[in-house]
Amino acid sequence: MNEQQDLKKLQTKLLSVCEESGLVIKFEVDEYELEPTQEDTFTALRDMNPNCAVAVGIKDYYMQRIFMLDQVGTNQYHFVEVSQDYMHISQVSQASDGIWDFYEIETRPGENW
């Protein structure tokens, strides 16, 4: 598989992981959709992790979260969820029934935007 196909596969997996968030998930955003500090955070995370699927979660026209998914093994992924006040880092895997299992590794407080 080439890099573009791998990225599309990861993006599909990320959509599946985030489907219960209640947010609109977008991989590309228009300039007007994010505040400058939000855009900086999103762009930095995407640029620092070119082999990962990175998306924003939007609700009521405002960005609520940034999500990132990286495949680390067969059906094993690192999932990062960033909000304004924290960052959750988890290992996730998808069971045969399609349900995602989350194993939280770390939570980091902070001002992310």
N, C-alpha and C. Protein backbone atom coordinates (compact mmCIF):
# COMPACT_ATOMS: atom_id res chain seq x y z
N MET A 1 0.84 -1.18 0.00
CA MET A 1 0.00 0.00 0.00
C MET A 1 0.88 1.24 0.00
N ASN A 2 0.44 2.26 -0.70
CA ASN A 2 1.23 3.48 -0.68
C ASN A 2 0.81 4.36 0.49
N GLU A 3 1.57 5.43 0.70
CA GLU A 3 1.34 6.30 1.86
C GLU A 3 -0.06 6.93 1.85
N GLN A 4 -0.54 7.32 0.67
CA GLN A 4 -1.86 7.95 0.58
C GLN A 4 -2.96 6.96 0.96
N GLN A 5 -2.83 5.70 0.52
CA GLN A 5 -3.81 4.68 0.88
C GLN A 5 -3.75 4.38 2.38
N ASP A 6 -2.54 4.33 2.92
CA ASP A 6 -2.38 4.10 4.36
C ASP A 6 -3.05 5.22 5.17
N LEU A 7 -2.86 6.46 4.72
CA LEU A 7 -3.46 7.60 5.42
C LEU A 7 -4.99 7.53 5.35
N LYS A 8 -5.54 7.21 4.18
CA LYS A 8 -7.00 7.10 4.04
C LYS A 8 -7.54 5.99 4.95
N LYS A 9 -6.81 4.89 5.06
CA LYS A 9 -7.23 3.79 5.94
C LYS A 9 -7.24 4.26 7.40
N LEU A 10 -6.18 4.99 7.80
CA LEU A 10 -6.13 5.52 9.17
C LEU A 10 -7.24 6.53 9.41
N GLN A 11 -7.53 7.37 8.42
CA GLN A 11 -8.60 8.34 8.57
C GLN A 11 -9.95 7.65 8.77
N THR A 12 -10.18 6.56 8.03
CA THR A 12 -11.41 5.79 8.19
C THR A 12 -11.49 5.21 9.59
N LYS A 13 -10.38 4.68 10.09
CA LYS A 13 -10.33 4.14 11.45
C LYS A 13 -10.59 5.25 12.47
N LEU A 14 -9.99 6.43 12.25
CA LEU A 14 -10.18 7.54 13.18
C LEU A 14 -11.65 7.97 13.22
N LEU A 15 -12.31 8.01 12.07
CA LEU A 15 -13.74 8.32 12.05
C LEU A 15 -14.52 7.33 12.90
N SER A 16 -14.15 6.06 12.80
CA SER A 16 -14.82 5.02 13.58
C SER A 16 -14.59 5.20 15.08
N VAL A 17 -13.35 5.50 15.46
CA VAL A 17 -13.03 5.71 16.87
C VAL A 17 -13.82 6.89 17.44
N CYS A 18 -13.99 7.93 16.63
CA CYS A 18 -14.60 9.18 17.10
C CYS A 18 -16.12 9.25 16.91
N GLU A 19 -16.73 8.21 16.37
CA GLU A 19 -18.15 8.32 16.00
C GLU A 19 -19.07 8.60 17.17
N GLU A 20 -18.71 8.22 18.37
CA GLU A 20 -19.58 8.47 19.53
C GLU A 20 -19.34 9.83 20.18
N SER A 21 -18.42 10.62 19.63
CA SER A 21 -18.09 11.91 20.24
C SER A 21 -19.21 12.94 20.08
N GLY A 22 -20.08 12.75 19.09
CA GLY A 22 -21.13 13.73 18.83
C GLY A 22 -20.62 14.96 18.11
N LEU A 23 -19.39 14.90 17.61
CA LEU A 23 -18.78 16.04 16.93
C LEU A 23 -18.71 15.77 15.43
N VAL A 24 -18.70 16.82 14.64
CA VAL A 24 -18.43 16.71 13.22
C VAL A 24 -16.92 16.58 13.07
N ILE A 25 -16.46 15.51 12.44
CA ILE A 25 -15.03 15.24 12.30
C ILE A 25 -14.57 15.71 10.93
N LYS A 26 -13.54 16.54 10.90
CA LYS A 26 -13.01 17.08 9.64
C LYS A 26 -11.50 16.92 9.60
N PHE A 27 -11.01 16.43 8.46
CA PHE A 27 -9.57 16.28 8.28
C PHE A 27 -8.94 17.52 7.66
N GLU A 28 -9.73 18.28 6.96
CA GLU A 28 -9.29 19.55 6.38
C GLU A 28 -10.24 20.63 6.86
N VAL A 29 -9.71 21.76 7.25
CA VAL A 29 -10.55 22.85 7.73
C VAL A 29 -10.24 24.12 6.96
N ASP A 30 -11.26 24.93 6.82
CA ASP A 30 -11.07 26.23 6.19
C ASP A 30 -10.50 27.20 7.22
N GLU A 31 -9.80 28.19 6.74
CA GLU A 31 -9.12 29.15 7.61
C GLU A 31 -10.07 29.80 8.61
N TYR A 32 -11.28 30.09 8.19
CA TYR A 32 -12.23 30.79 9.07
C TYR A 32 -12.81 29.89 10.16
N GLU A 33 -12.62 28.57 10.07
CA GLU A 33 -13.25 27.66 11.03
C GLU A 33 -12.53 27.58 12.37
N LEU A 34 -11.28 27.98 12.41
CA LEU A 34 -10.49 27.87 13.64
C LEU A 34 -9.93 29.22 14.04
N GLU A 35 -9.81 29.42 15.34
CA GLU A 35 -9.10 30.59 15.83
C GLU A 35 -7.61 30.37 15.55
N PRO A 36 -6.82 31.44 15.48
CA PRO A 36 -5.40 31.29 15.14
C PRO A 36 -4.64 30.29 16.03
N THR A 37 -4.87 30.32 17.33
CA THR A 37 -4.15 29.39 18.20
C THR A 37 -4.62 27.95 17.99
N GLN A 38 -5.90 27.76 17.68
CA GLN A 38 -6.41 26.42 17.38
C GLN A 38 -5.78 25.90 16.09
N GLU A 39 -5.73 26.77 15.09
CA GLU A 39 -5.13 26.37 13.82
C GLU A 39 -3.65 26.03 14.00
N ASP A 40 -2.94 26.80 14.82
CA ASP A 40 -1.53 26.52 15.09
C ASP A 40 -1.36 25.15 15.74
N THR A 41 -2.22 24.83 16.71
CA THR A 41 -2.15 23.54 17.39
C THR A 41 -2.44 22.40 16.42
N PHE A 42 -3.50 22.53 15.63
CA PHE A 42 -3.87 21.51 14.65
C PHE A 42 -2.76 21.31 13.62
N THR A 43 -2.25 22.40 13.07
CA THR A 43 -1.21 22.33 12.05
C THR A 43 0.07 21.72 12.61
N ALA A 44 0.46 22.14 13.80
CA ALA A 44 1.68 21.60 14.42
C ALA A 44 1.56 20.10 14.66
N LEU A 45 0.42 19.66 15.18
CA LEU A 45 0.22 18.23 15.44
C LEU A 45 0.24 17.44 14.14
N ARG A 46 -0.39 17.95 13.11
CA ARG A 46 -0.41 17.27 11.80
C ARG A 46 0.98 17.25 11.17
N ASP A 47 1.71 18.37 11.25
CA ASP A 47 3.04 18.44 10.64
C ASP A 47 4.06 17.58 11.37
N MET A 48 3.93 17.48 12.70
CA MET A 48 4.87 16.67 13.48
C MET A 48 4.60 15.18 13.35
N ASN A 49 3.42 14.83 12.84
CA ASN A 49 3.01 13.42 12.74
C ASN A 49 2.46 13.13 11.35
N PRO A 50 3.33 13.19 10.31
CA PRO A 50 2.84 13.07 8.94
C PRO A 50 2.25 11.70 8.59
N ASN A 51 2.56 10.66 9.36
CA ASN A 51 2.04 9.33 9.08
C ASN A 51 0.81 8.99 9.91
N CYS A 52 0.24 10.00 10.56
CA CYS A 52 -0.92 9.80 11.42
C CYS A 52 -2.14 10.49 10.82
N ALA A 53 -3.31 9.97 11.15
CA ALA A 53 -4.55 10.65 10.79
C ALA A 53 -4.83 11.69 11.87
N VAL A 54 -4.99 12.94 11.47
CA VAL A 54 -5.25 14.03 12.41
C VAL A 54 -6.51 14.76 11.93
N ALA A 55 -7.44 14.99 12.86
CA ALA A 55 -8.70 15.63 12.52
C ALA A 55 -9.15 16.54 13.65
N VAL A 56 -10.07 17.42 13.32
CA VAL A 56 -10.68 18.26 14.35
C VAL A 56 -12.12 17.81 14.55
N GLY A 57 -12.61 18.00 15.77
CA GLY A 57 -14.00 17.74 16.10
C GLY A 57 -14.69 19.06 16.35
N ILE A 58 -15.74 19.33 15.58
CA ILE A 58 -16.42 20.62 15.64
C ILE A 58 -17.86 20.42 16.11
N LYS A 59 -18.31 21.33 16.98
CA LYS A 59 -19.71 21.34 17.42
C LYS A 59 -20.14 22.79 17.52
N ASP A 60 -21.33 23.08 17.00
CA ASP A 60 -21.88 24.43 17.03
C ASP A 60 -20.88 25.44 16.45
N TYR A 61 -20.24 25.07 15.37
CA TYR A 61 -19.31 25.92 14.62
C TYR A 61 -17.99 26.19 15.33
N TYR A 62 -17.73 25.52 16.45
CA TYR A 62 -16.49 25.74 17.19
C TYR A 62 -15.72 24.43 17.34
N MET A 63 -14.41 24.52 17.22
CA MET A 63 -13.58 23.34 17.42
C MET A 63 -13.59 22.97 18.89
N GLN A 64 -13.87 21.71 19.17
CA GLN A 64 -13.90 21.21 20.54
C GLN A 64 -12.69 20.33 20.85
N ARG A 65 -12.21 19.58 19.85
CA ARG A 65 -11.15 18.60 20.05
C ARG A 65 -10.29 18.49 18.80
N ILE A 66 -9.08 18.00 19.01
CA ILE A 66 -8.23 17.52 17.93
C ILE A 66 -7.99 16.05 18.24
N PHE A 67 -8.12 15.21 17.21
CA PHE A 67 -7.92 13.78 17.37
C PHE A 67 -6.78 13.32 16.48
N MET A 68 -6.01 12.35 16.96
CA MET A 68 -4.92 11.79 16.17
C MET A 68 -4.89 10.29 16.37
N LEU A 69 -4.64 9.54 15.28
CA LEU A 69 -4.55 8.09 15.35
C LEU A 69 -3.31 7.64 14.60
N ASP A 70 -2.55 6.75 15.23
CA ASP A 70 -1.32 6.22 14.65
C ASP A 70 -1.32 4.71 14.82
N GLN A 71 -1.08 3.98 13.75
CA GLN A 71 -1.03 2.52 13.86
C GLN A 71 0.34 2.10 14.36
N VAL A 72 0.36 1.30 15.44
CA VAL A 72 1.63 0.87 16.04
C VAL A 72 1.83 -0.63 15.95
N GLY A 73 0.84 -1.35 15.46
CA GLY A 73 0.93 -2.80 15.32
C GLY A 73 -0.31 -3.31 14.62
N THR A 74 -0.40 -4.62 14.47
CA THR A 74 -1.58 -5.20 13.86
C THR A 74 -2.78 -4.94 14.76
N ASN A 75 -3.72 -4.15 14.27
CA ASN A 75 -4.92 -3.77 15.02
C ASN A 75 -4.59 -3.08 16.35
N GLN A 76 -3.47 -2.43 16.44
CA GLN A 76 -3.07 -1.67 17.63
C GLN A 76 -2.76 -0.24 17.20
N TYR A 77 -3.36 0.71 17.91
CA TYR A 77 -3.22 2.12 17.55
C TYR A 77 -2.98 2.96 18.79
N HIS A 78 -2.29 4.07 18.59
CA HIS A 78 -2.23 5.11 19.62
C HIS A 78 -3.25 6.16 19.21
N PHE A 79 -4.06 6.57 20.17
CA PHE A 79 -5.11 7.55 19.95
C PHE A 79 -4.87 8.72 20.90
N VAL A 80 -4.84 9.92 20.34
CA VAL A 80 -4.62 11.12 21.14
C VAL A 80 -5.84 12.02 20.95
N GLU A 81 -6.37 12.49 22.07
CA GLU A 81 -7.50 13.42 22.07
C GLU A 81 -7.06 14.68 22.80
N VAL A 82 -7.07 15.80 22.09
CA VAL A 82 -6.61 17.07 22.64
C VAL A 82 -7.79 18.02 22.75
N SER A 83 -7.98 18.60 23.93
CA SER A 83 -8.96 19.67 24.10
C SER A 83 -8.20 20.90 24.58
N GLN A 84 -8.92 21.94 24.87
CA GLN A 84 -8.26 23.16 25.34
C GLN A 84 -7.51 22.92 26.64
N ASP A 85 -8.03 22.06 27.50
CA ASP A 85 -7.48 21.91 28.85
C ASP A 85 -6.71 20.62 29.12
N TYR A 86 -6.74 19.66 28.21
CA TYR A 86 -6.05 18.41 28.48
C TYR A 86 -5.70 17.67 27.20
N MET A 87 -4.86 16.64 27.36
CA MET A 87 -4.53 15.72 26.28
C MET A 87 -4.60 14.30 26.86
N HIS A 88 -5.43 13.46 26.26
CA HIS A 88 -5.52 12.05 26.65
C HIS A 88 -4.75 11.23 25.61
N ILE A 89 -3.90 10.34 26.08
CA ILE A 89 -3.17 9.44 25.20
C ILE A 89 -3.60 8.03 25.57
N SER A 90 -4.08 7.28 24.59
CA SER A 90 -4.59 5.94 24.83
C SER A 90 -4.07 4.98 23.77
N GLN A 91 -4.07 3.71 24.12
CA GLN A 91 -3.86 2.66 23.14
C GLN A 91 -5.24 2.10 22.85
N VAL A 92 -5.57 1.91 21.58
CA VAL A 92 -6.88 1.39 21.21
C VAL A 92 -6.72 0.22 20.26
N SER A 93 -7.69 -0.66 20.31
CA SER A 93 -7.76 -1.78 19.36
C SER A 93 -9.23 -2.00 19.05
N GLN A 94 -9.48 -2.57 17.88
CA GLN A 94 -10.86 -2.79 17.46
C GLN A 94 -11.17 -4.28 17.54
N ALA A 95 -12.19 -4.62 18.30
CA ALA A 95 -12.61 -6.01 18.43
C ALA A 95 -13.31 -6.47 17.15
N SER A 96 -13.49 -7.76 17.02
CA SER A 96 -14.11 -8.31 15.82
C SER A 96 -15.54 -7.81 15.61
N ASP A 97 -16.20 -7.37 16.68
CA ASP A 97 -17.56 -6.82 16.55
C ASP A 97 -17.57 -5.34 16.18
N GLY A 98 -16.38 -4.75 15.98
CA GLY A 98 -16.27 -3.35 15.58
C GLY A 98 -16.17 -2.38 16.72
N ILE A 99 -16.32 -2.85 17.95
CA ILE A 99 -16.23 -1.99 19.13
C ILE A 99 -14.76 -1.71 19.43
N TRP A 100 -14.47 -0.45 19.77
CA TRP A 100 -13.11 -0.06 20.10
C TRP A 100 -12.86 -0.21 21.59
N ASP A 101 -11.72 -0.80 21.93
CA ASP A 101 -11.28 -0.92 23.32
C ASP A 101 -10.22 0.14 23.58
N PHE A 102 -10.40 0.92 24.64
CA PHE A 102 -9.48 1.99 25.00
C PHE A 102 -8.71 1.61 26.26
N TYR A 103 -7.40 1.83 26.22
CA TYR A 103 -6.55 1.63 27.39
C TYR A 103 -5.78 2.93 27.59
N GLU A 104 -6.24 3.74 28.54
CA GLU A 104 -5.62 5.04 28.74
C GLU A 104 -4.20 4.89 29.24
N ILE A 105 -3.28 5.57 28.59
CA ILE A 105 -1.87 5.55 28.95
C ILE A 105 -1.54 6.73 29.84
N GLU A 106 -2.02 7.92 29.44
CA GLU A 106 -1.62 9.14 30.16
C GLU A 106 -2.62 10.26 29.88
N THR A 107 -2.80 11.13 30.86
CA THR A 107 -3.56 12.37 30.69
C THR A 107 -2.65 13.51 31.09
N ARG A 108 -2.54 14.49 30.19
CA ARG A 108 -1.70 15.65 30.46
C ARG A 108 -2.57 16.91 30.50
N PRO A 109 -2.61 17.60 31.64
CA PRO A 109 -3.32 18.87 31.68
C PRO A 109 -2.49 19.96 31.00
N GLY A 110 -3.16 21.02 30.58
CA GLY A 110 -2.43 22.14 29.99
C GLY A 110 -3.34 23.00 29.15
N GLU A 111 -2.84 24.14 28.76
CA GLU A 111 -3.57 25.03 27.86
C GLU A 111 -3.06 24.78 26.46
N ASN A 112 -3.89 24.14 25.64
CA ASN A 112 -3.47 23.73 24.31
C ASN A 112 -3.84 24.72 23.22
N TRP A 113 -4.76 25.64 23.51
CA TRP A 113 -5.06 26.75 22.61
C TRP A 113 -5.82 27.81 23.34
